[in-house]
Each structure stands twice: as C-alpha cells, then as structure tokens.
C-alpha atoms as a PDB file:
ATOM      1  CA  UNK A   1      -2.054  19.136  35.026  1.00  0.00           C
ATOM      2  CA  UNK A   2      -2.940  18.241  31.443  1.00  0.00           C
ATOM      3  CA  UNK A   3      -0.395  16.535  29.207  1.00  0.00           C
ATOM      4  CA  UNK A   4       0.038  17.939  25.707  1.00  0.00           C
ATOM      5  CA  UNK A   5       1.848  16.397  22.774  1.00  0.00           C
ATOM      6  CA  UNK A   6       1.827  17.915  19.269  1.00  0.00           C
ATOM      7  CA  UNK A   7      -1.176  20.038  20.146  1.00  0.00           C
ATOM      8  CA  UNK A   8      -3.376  17.086  21.179  1.00  0.00           C
ATOM      9  CA  UNK A   9      -4.508  16.694  24.759  1.00  0.00           C
ATOM     10  CA  UNK A  10      -5.306  13.367  26.397  1.00  0.00           C
ATOM     11  CA  UNK A  11      -9.006  13.714  25.628  1.00  0.00           C
ATOM     12  CA  UNK A  12      -8.331  14.099  21.905  1.00  0.00           C
ATOM     13  CA  UNK A  13      -5.871  11.189  21.984  1.00  0.00           C
ATOM     14  CA  UNK A  14      -8.445   8.881  23.564  1.00  0.00           C
ATOM     15  CA  UNK A  15     -11.064   9.998  21.039  1.00  0.00           C
ATOM     16  CA  UNK A  16      -8.711   9.228  18.131  1.00  0.00           C
ATOM     17  CA  UNK A  17      -7.793   5.871  19.645  1.00  0.00           C
ATOM     18  CA  UNK A  18     -11.469   4.938  19.957  1.00  0.00           C
ATOM     19  CA  UNK A  19     -12.023   5.858  16.297  1.00  0.00           C
ATOM     20  CA  UNK A  20      -9.123   3.637  15.206  1.00  0.00           C
ATOM     21  CA  UNK A  21     -10.313   0.748  17.382  1.00  0.00           C
ATOM     22  CA  UNK A  22     -13.805   1.040  15.895  1.00  0.00           C
ATOM     23  CA  UNK A  23     -12.379   0.749  12.385  1.00  0.00           C
ATOM     24  CA  UNK A  24     -10.255  -2.250  13.379  1.00  0.00           C
ATOM     25  CA  UNK A  25     -13.328  -3.979  14.814  1.00  0.00           C
ATOM     26  CA  UNK A  26     -15.203  -3.461  11.526  1.00  0.00           C
ATOM     27  CA  UNK A  27     -12.332  -4.825   9.446  1.00  0.00           C
ATOM     28  CA  UNK A  28     -12.275  -8.513   8.618  1.00  0.00           C
ATOM     29  CA  UNK A  29      -9.609 -10.883   7.438  1.00  0.00           C
ATOM     30  CA  UNK A  30      -9.958 -11.885   3.793  1.00  0.00           C
ATOM     31  CA  UNK A  31     -10.892 -15.459   3.011  1.00  0.00           C
ATOM     32  CA  UNK A  32      -8.190 -17.645   1.501  1.00  0.00           C
ATOM     33  CA  UNK A  33      -9.769 -17.491  -1.960  1.00  0.00           C
ATOM     34  CA  UNK A  34     -10.076 -13.693  -1.828  1.00  0.00           C
ATOM     35  CA  UNK A  35      -6.464 -13.338  -0.676  1.00  0.00           C
ATOM     36  CA  UNK A  36      -5.131 -15.469  -3.544  1.00  0.00           C
ATOM     37  CA  UNK A  37      -7.259 -13.529  -6.026  1.00  0.00           C
ATOM     38  CA  UNK A  38      -5.815 -10.216  -4.801  1.00  0.00           C
ATOM     39  CA  UNK A  39      -2.284 -11.674  -4.792  1.00  0.00           C
ATOM     40  CA  UNK A  40      -2.652 -12.839  -8.416  1.00  0.00           C
ATOM     41  CA  UNK A  41      -3.853  -9.423  -9.544  1.00  0.00           C
ATOM     42  CA  UNK A  42      -1.051  -7.637  -7.668  1.00  0.00           C
ATOM     43  CA  UNK A  43       1.546 -10.048  -9.087  1.00  0.00           C
ATOM     44  CA  UNK A  44       0.256  -9.561 -12.625  1.00  0.00           C
ATOM     45  CA  UNK A  45       0.383  -5.785 -12.190  1.00  0.00           C
ATOM     46  CA  UNK A  46       3.981  -5.948 -10.918  1.00  0.00           C
ATOM     47  CA  UNK A  47       4.979  -8.185 -13.832  1.00  0.00           C
ATOM     48  CA  UNK A  48       3.348  -5.806 -16.316  1.00  0.00           C
ATOM     49  CA  UNK A  49       5.113  -2.780 -14.836  1.00  0.00           C
ATOM     50  CA  UNK A  50       8.407  -4.686 -14.864  1.00  0.00           C
ATOM     51  CA  UNK A  51       7.927  -5.685 -18.510  1.00  0.00           C
ATOM     52  CA  UNK A  52       7.185  -2.092 -19.483  1.00  0.00           C
ATOM     53  CA  UNK A  53      10.282  -0.914 -17.609  1.00  0.00           C
ATOM     54  CA  UNK A  54      12.432  -3.583 -19.255  1.00  0.00           C
ATOM     55  CA  UNK A  55      11.116  -2.629 -22.703  1.00  0.00           C
ATOM     56  CA  UNK A  56      11.971   1.018 -22.049  1.00  0.00           C
ATOM     57  CA  UNK A  57      15.442  -0.016 -20.845  1.00  0.00           C
ATOM     58  CA  UNK A  58      16.033  -2.035 -24.030  1.00  0.00           C
ATOM     59  CA  UNK A  59      14.825   0.825 -26.224  1.00  0.00           C
ATOM     60  CA  UNK A  60      17.137   3.312 -24.514  1.00  0.00           C
ATOM     61  CA  UNK A  61      20.289   1.160 -24.245  1.00  0.00           C
ATOM     62  CA  UNK A  62      20.426  -1.595 -26.848  1.00  0.00           C
ATOM     63  CA  UNK A  63      18.626  -0.031 -29.797  1.00  0.00           C
ATOM     64  CA  UNK A  64      20.716   3.188 -29.982  1.00  0.00           C
ATOM     65  CA  UNK A  65      23.922   1.101 -30.146  1.00  0.00           C
ATOM     66  CA  UNK A  66      22.620  -0.758 -33.203  1.00  0.00           C
ATOM     67  CA  UNK A  67      21.806   2.441 -35.082  1.00  0.00           C
END
C-alpha cells in the first residue's frame, strides 16, 4: 500500500527532502562582520522607506489644511 498526500508519493517526498537537505548542507552561517553589514543595509532601507512614507503622509494631511 502506497501512501499519497497532495499527489506526491513517498518516493517523491524522500527525493524532495534529499534536495532540501543538500541545499542546507551547502549553506553557511554568515560571519559576524557580514551579518552586521547586511543588518546596516536593511536598517537603512527600512529608514528610507519610512521617511518616504512619512513625507507622503505629511503632504497628504498637513499641507492641504494649510492651503
């Protein structure tokens, strides 16, 4: 008796699992310096997007009241 779930049999499941495990084995943890570099860039991007959103908010709420 073969188990089926969402159209995948056990053979296909084990094949997919092996593919995922292979990718996880190839992946490496970032070094501390690399992690902080990525965190700085991501933080700067979030701050920039927030500043743009705040500027749009000001233009749409405060400026029309003054006109």
